[in-house]
Protein backbone atom coordinates (compact mmCIF):
# COMPACT_ATOMS: atom_id res chain seq x y z
CA UNK A 1 0.11 -0.20 0.24
CA UNK A 2 3.14 2.46 1.01
CA UNK A 3 5.24 1.69 -2.38
CA UNK A 4 1.68 2.03 -4.57
CA UNK A 5 0.71 5.69 -2.95
CA UNK A 6 4.07 6.60 -2.79
CA UNK A 7 4.49 6.13 -6.72
CA UNK A 8 0.69 7.45 -7.57
CA UNK A 9 2.96 11.30 -6.44
CA UNK A 10 6.70 10.89 -7.48
CA UNK A 11 6.24 12.96 -10.01
CA UNK A 12 4.69 16.06 -7.84
CA UNK A 13 7.22 18.83 -6.19
CA UNK A 14 6.16 19.62 -3.16
CA UNK A 15 3.71 16.73 -1.79
CA UNK A 16 2.93 16.19 1.36
CA UNK A 17 1.17 12.63 2.58
CA UNK A 18 0.01 11.50 5.49
CA UNK A 19 -3.01 11.23 8.05
CA UNK A 20 -3.99 14.96 8.30
CA UNK A 21 -6.01 16.54 10.93
CA UNK A 22 -6.61 19.11 13.17
CA UNK A 23 -6.69 18.35 16.51
CA UNK A 24 -6.58 20.58 19.79
CA UNK A 25 -4.03 22.64 21.29
CA UNK A 26 -3.08 21.58 24.51
CA UNK A 27 -2.39 23.99 26.80
CA UNK A 28 -2.34 22.41 30.22
CA UNK A 29 1.38 21.82 31.26
CA UNK A 30 0.65 18.12 33.00
CA UNK A 31 -0.76 16.61 29.63
CA UNK A 32 1.46 14.48 27.26
CA UNK A 33 1.96 17.04 24.51
CA UNK A 34 1.35 20.09 26.00
CA UNK A 35 2.37 22.87 23.67
CA UNK A 36 4.29 25.70 25.97
CA UNK A 37 3.79 27.93 22.81
CA UNK A 38 0.08 27.39 23.27
CA UNK A 39 -0.65 31.24 23.43
CA UNK A 40 0.89 32.02 19.87
CA UNK A 41 -2.50 29.71 18.41
CA UNK A 42 -5.43 32.38 20.25
CA UNK A 43 -7.68 31.68 22.20
CA UNK A 44 -7.98 28.91 24.21
CA UNK A 45 -9.96 25.83 22.45
CA UNK A 46 -8.03 26.59 18.95
CA UNK A 47 -7.05 23.99 17.40
CA UNK A 48 -3.24 23.41 15.37
CA UNK A 49 -3.59 23.92 11.42
CA UNK A 50 -3.87 21.01 9.08
CA UNK A 51 -0.81 18.80 9.49
CA UNK A 52 0.27 15.57 8.67
CA UNK A 53 0.44 13.04 12.36
CA UNK A 54 0.85 9.33 13.39
CA UNK A 55 3.63 7.12 12.66
CA UNK A 56 4.16 7.96 9.10
CA UNK A 57 3.90 10.45 6.77
CA UNK A 58 5.54 11.51 2.97
CA UNK A 59 7.48 14.73 2.11
CA UNK A 60 8.89 15.54 -1.59
CA UNK A 61 12.07 15.99 -1.93
CA UNK A 62 11.87 19.86 -2.78
CA UNK A 63 10.24 19.27 0.59
CA UNK A 64 13.11 17.67 2.61
CA UNK A 65 15.38 20.19 0.64
CA UNK A 66 13.72 23.03 1.69
CA UNK A 67 14.00 21.67 5.37
CA UNK A 68 17.68 20.98 4.62
CA UNK A 69 18.41 24.60 4.13
CA UNK A 70 16.46 26.85 6.26
CA UNK A 71 16.66 24.17 8.94
CA UNK A 72 18.22 27.23 10.68
CA UNK A 73 15.71 29.60 10.59
CA UNK A 74 12.49 26.81 11.20
CA UNK A 75 10.75 27.29 14.24
CA UNK A 76 10.25 24.13 16.15
CA UNK A 77 6.83 23.79 18.16
CA UNK A 78 7.14 20.98 20.43
CA UNK A 79 5.90 17.70 18.34
CA UNK A 80 7.64 17.37 15.35
CA UNK A 81 4.34 16.36 12.74
CA UNK A 82 2.38 20.22 14.14
CA UNK A 83 6.48 22.01 13.03
CA UNK A 84 6.62 19.78 9.66
CA UNK A 85 3.20 21.02 9.01
CA UNK A 86 3.91 25.09 9.92
CA UNK A 87 6.79 25.08 7.97
CA UNK A 88 4.18 24.26 4.73
CA UNK A 89 2.17 27.25 5.98
CA UNK A 90 2.62 29.56 2.93
CA UNK A 91 4.45 27.29 0.66
CA UNK A 92 3.14 25.79 -2.29
CA UNK A 93 3.03 22.48 -0.91
CA UNK A 94 -0.30 20.07 -2.26
CA UNK A 95 -1.49 18.56 1.61
CA UNK A 96 -2.83 14.75 0.44
CA UNK A 97 -4.63 13.14 2.97
CA UNK A 98 -3.88 9.66 3.02
CA UNK A 99 -6.43 7.63 5.26
CA UNK A 100 -4.13 4.64 4.73
CA UNK A 101 -1.99 6.12 7.18
CA UNK A 102 -3.98 6.14 9.78
CA UNK A 103 -3.52 3.56 12.59
CA UNK A 104 -2.92 2.84 15.83
CA UNK A 105 0.55 2.54 16.63
CA UNK A 106 2.47 -0.76 17.17
CA UNK A 107 5.05 -1.23 20.39
CA UNK A 108 7.94 0.37 19.69
CA UNK A 109 7.79 2.20 16.71
CA UNK A 110 8.47 5.80 16.73
CA UNK A 111 7.54 8.35 13.65
CA UNK A 112 9.60 9.30 10.99
CA UNK A 113 9.32 10.75 7.35
CA UNK A 114 9.39 9.53 3.71
CA UNK A 115 11.02 11.20 1.43
CA UNK A 116 10.14 11.08 -2.54
CA UNK A 117 12.91 10.88 -4.39
CA UNK A 118 12.67 11.40 -8.49
CA UNK A 119 15.85 10.45 -9.40
């Protein structure tokens, strides 16, 4: 499934594929995934912008290069998936909500980013 999904989008220059969501910004310091900079997202109860979440998501080579070049000036939020979504706001990026990437985390698996290479 993953190989077919990536192959289908391989020719696109700026894609961001994953289980897209817009969950609540967690302001309580005592909960997992607390966002210390919650105030930047507006009033309490607001949600994050749309971003890929979960154990796997993919970005194109162009976007991976953009991150690599601009890494020193890209702001990092408490969660890497939120950070990645923030970096693409304002860029011409195609967000692809791939529901097959929405699943639970098997024990011992952590998040990772794939990037599509056109070489």
